[in-house]
Amino acid sequence: MVEPINLNKARKARARAAAKSQAAENRVRFGRAKGETMVQKLDAERARRDHDGKKRED
């Protein structure tokens, strides 16, 4: 005789697997390496300092 399955557990397991694959796809598509993040942060800080240095004194 075949073992009965719990349909709620099967549905939830399928949803978890789909969410996991979507998360992996998003990490590849939108994720950035740590080095890229640091470079962007340093560029923004440098641009802010340059901008502040060019302000006129009243």
N, C-alpha and C. Protein backbone atom coordinates (compact mmCIF):
# COMPACT_ATOMS: atom_id res chain seq x y z
N MET A 1 0.83 -1.17 0.00
CA MET A 1 0.00 0.00 0.00
C MET A 1 0.89 1.25 0.00
N VAL A 2 0.44 2.29 -0.66
CA VAL A 2 1.20 3.53 -0.79
C VAL A 2 1.03 4.36 0.47
N GLU A 3 2.11 4.96 0.88
CA GLU A 3 2.09 5.81 2.07
C GLU A 3 1.38 7.13 1.74
N PRO A 4 0.41 7.54 2.53
CA PRO A 4 -0.27 8.81 2.25
C PRO A 4 0.66 10.00 2.52
N ILE A 5 0.47 11.07 1.77
CA ILE A 5 1.30 12.26 1.96
C ILE A 5 0.43 13.40 2.48
N ASN A 6 1.05 14.25 3.24
CA ASN A 6 0.36 15.42 3.76
C ASN A 6 0.47 16.52 2.69
N LEU A 7 -0.65 16.92 2.13
CA LEU A 7 -0.64 17.90 1.04
C LEU A 7 -0.18 19.27 1.50
N ASN A 8 -0.46 19.64 2.73
CA ASN A 8 0.02 20.92 3.24
C ASN A 8 1.54 20.95 3.29
N LYS A 9 2.14 19.86 3.78
CA LYS A 9 3.61 19.80 3.85
C LYS A 9 4.22 19.82 2.45
N ALA A 10 3.60 19.11 1.52
CA ALA A 10 4.12 19.09 0.15
C ALA A 10 4.03 20.47 -0.49
N ARG A 11 2.91 21.16 -0.26
CA ARG A 11 2.73 22.50 -0.82
C ARG A 11 3.74 23.48 -0.23
N LYS A 12 3.94 23.42 1.07
CA LYS A 12 4.88 24.31 1.73
C LYS A 12 6.32 24.01 1.32
N ALA A 13 6.64 22.74 1.15
CA ALA A 13 7.99 22.37 0.71
C ALA A 13 8.25 22.88 -0.70
N ARG A 14 7.25 22.79 -1.56
CA ARG A 14 7.40 23.29 -2.93
C ARG A 14 7.57 24.81 -2.91
N ALA A 15 6.83 25.50 -2.05
CA ALA A 15 6.95 26.96 -1.94
C ALA A 15 8.32 27.36 -1.41
N ARG A 16 8.84 26.61 -0.43
CA ARG A 16 10.17 26.91 0.10
C ARG A 16 11.24 26.72 -0.96
N ALA A 17 11.12 25.66 -1.75
CA ALA A 17 12.10 25.41 -2.81
C ALA A 17 12.06 26.52 -3.86
N ALA A 18 10.86 26.98 -4.20
CA ALA A 18 10.73 28.06 -5.18
C ALA A 18 11.33 29.35 -4.64
N ALA A 19 11.09 29.65 -3.36
CA ALA A 19 11.64 30.85 -2.75
C ALA A 19 13.15 30.79 -2.69
N LYS A 20 13.67 29.60 -2.41
CA LYS A 20 15.12 29.43 -2.34
C LYS A 20 15.78 29.65 -3.70
N SER A 21 15.17 29.13 -4.75
CA SER A 21 15.74 29.32 -6.08
C SER A 21 15.61 30.78 -6.51
N GLN A 22 14.52 31.45 -6.14
CA GLN A 22 14.35 32.87 -6.45
C GLN A 22 15.41 33.70 -5.72
N ALA A 23 15.69 33.36 -4.48
CA ALA A 23 16.70 34.08 -3.70
C ALA A 23 18.08 33.92 -4.33
N ALA A 24 18.40 32.72 -4.77
CA ALA A 24 19.69 32.49 -5.42
C ALA A 24 19.81 33.30 -6.70
N GLU A 25 18.74 33.36 -7.46
CA GLU A 25 18.73 34.15 -8.69
C GLU A 25 18.91 35.64 -8.38
N ASN A 26 18.25 36.12 -7.34
CA ASN A 26 18.38 37.52 -6.96
C ASN A 26 19.78 37.85 -6.47
N ARG A 27 20.42 36.92 -5.76
CA ARG A 27 21.79 37.16 -5.30
C ARG A 27 22.71 37.35 -6.49
N VAL A 28 22.52 36.55 -7.52
CA VAL A 28 23.37 36.67 -8.70
C VAL A 28 23.05 37.97 -9.44
N ARG A 29 21.78 38.30 -9.56
CA ARG A 29 21.38 39.45 -10.36
C ARG A 29 21.69 40.77 -9.68
N PHE A 30 21.41 40.90 -8.39
CA PHE A 30 21.50 42.18 -7.71
C PHE A 30 22.66 42.29 -6.72
N GLY A 31 23.28 41.20 -6.38
CA GLY A 31 24.32 41.23 -5.37
C GLY A 31 25.59 41.87 -5.89
N ARG A 32 26.32 42.48 -4.99
CA ARG A 32 27.60 43.09 -5.34
C ARG A 32 28.66 42.50 -4.41
N ALA A 33 29.86 42.45 -4.92
CA ALA A 33 30.97 41.96 -4.12
C ALA A 33 31.32 43.00 -3.07
N LYS A 34 31.97 42.58 -2.01
CA LYS A 34 32.34 43.48 -0.94
C LYS A 34 33.27 44.58 -1.44
N GLY A 35 34.17 44.23 -2.32
CA GLY A 35 35.10 45.21 -2.87
C GLY A 35 34.37 46.29 -3.66
N GLU A 36 33.38 45.89 -4.44
CA GLU A 36 32.62 46.86 -5.22
C GLU A 36 31.87 47.82 -4.30
N THR A 37 31.33 47.30 -3.21
CA THR A 37 30.61 48.13 -2.26
C THR A 37 31.56 49.14 -1.61
N MET A 38 32.75 48.69 -1.23
CA MET A 38 33.72 49.59 -0.61
C MET A 38 34.17 50.67 -1.58
N VAL A 39 34.40 50.30 -2.83
CA VAL A 39 34.82 51.27 -3.83
C VAL A 39 33.75 52.34 -4.01
N GLN A 40 32.50 51.92 -4.08
CA GLN A 40 31.42 52.89 -4.24
C GLN A 40 31.33 53.81 -3.02
N LYS A 41 31.50 53.25 -1.82
CA LYS A 41 31.44 54.06 -0.61
C LYS A 41 32.59 55.08 -0.58
N LEU A 42 33.79 54.64 -0.96
CA LEU A 42 34.93 55.55 -0.98
C LEU A 42 34.76 56.64 -2.02
N ASP A 43 34.22 56.31 -3.19
CA ASP A 43 33.98 57.31 -4.23
C ASP A 43 32.97 58.34 -3.76
N ALA A 44 31.92 57.91 -3.08
CA ALA A 44 30.92 58.84 -2.57
C ALA A 44 31.51 59.75 -1.52
N GLU A 45 32.34 59.22 -0.65
CA GLU A 45 32.99 60.03 0.39
C GLU A 45 33.94 61.04 -0.25
N ARG A 46 34.70 60.63 -1.25
CA ARG A 46 35.61 61.53 -1.95
C ARG A 46 34.83 62.65 -2.64
N ALA A 47 33.73 62.31 -3.28
CA ALA A 47 32.91 63.31 -3.95
C ALA A 47 32.32 64.30 -2.94
N ARG A 48 31.90 63.80 -1.78
CA ARG A 48 31.36 64.69 -0.76
C ARG A 48 32.43 65.65 -0.25
N ARG A 49 33.64 65.14 -0.01
CA ARG A 49 34.73 66.01 0.45
C ARG A 49 35.08 67.05 -0.60
N ASP A 50 35.14 66.66 -1.87
CA ASP A 50 35.44 67.61 -2.94
C ASP A 50 34.38 68.69 -3.01
N HIS A 51 33.13 68.28 -2.88
CA HIS A 51 32.03 69.24 -2.94
C HIS A 51 32.09 70.20 -1.76
N ASP A 52 32.35 69.69 -0.56
CA ASP A 52 32.44 70.55 0.61
C ASP A 52 33.63 71.49 0.51
N GLY A 53 34.72 71.04 -0.10
CA GLY A 53 35.92 71.87 -0.24
C GLY A 53 35.74 73.00 -1.22
N LYS A 54 34.77 72.93 -2.08
CA LYS A 54 34.56 73.96 -3.10
C LYS A 54 33.47 74.95 -2.70
N LYS A 55 32.93 74.82 -1.49
CA LYS A 55 31.93 75.76 -1.04
C LYS A 55 32.57 77.11 -0.74
N ARG A 56 31.81 78.15 -1.00
CA ARG A 56 32.32 79.48 -0.72
C ARG A 56 32.00 79.86 0.72
N GLU A 57 32.89 80.62 1.30
CA GLU A 57 32.69 81.14 2.66
C GLU A 57 31.94 82.46 2.55
N ASP A 58 30.98 82.68 3.41
CA ASP A 58 30.26 83.96 3.40
C ASP A 58 30.84 84.90 4.43
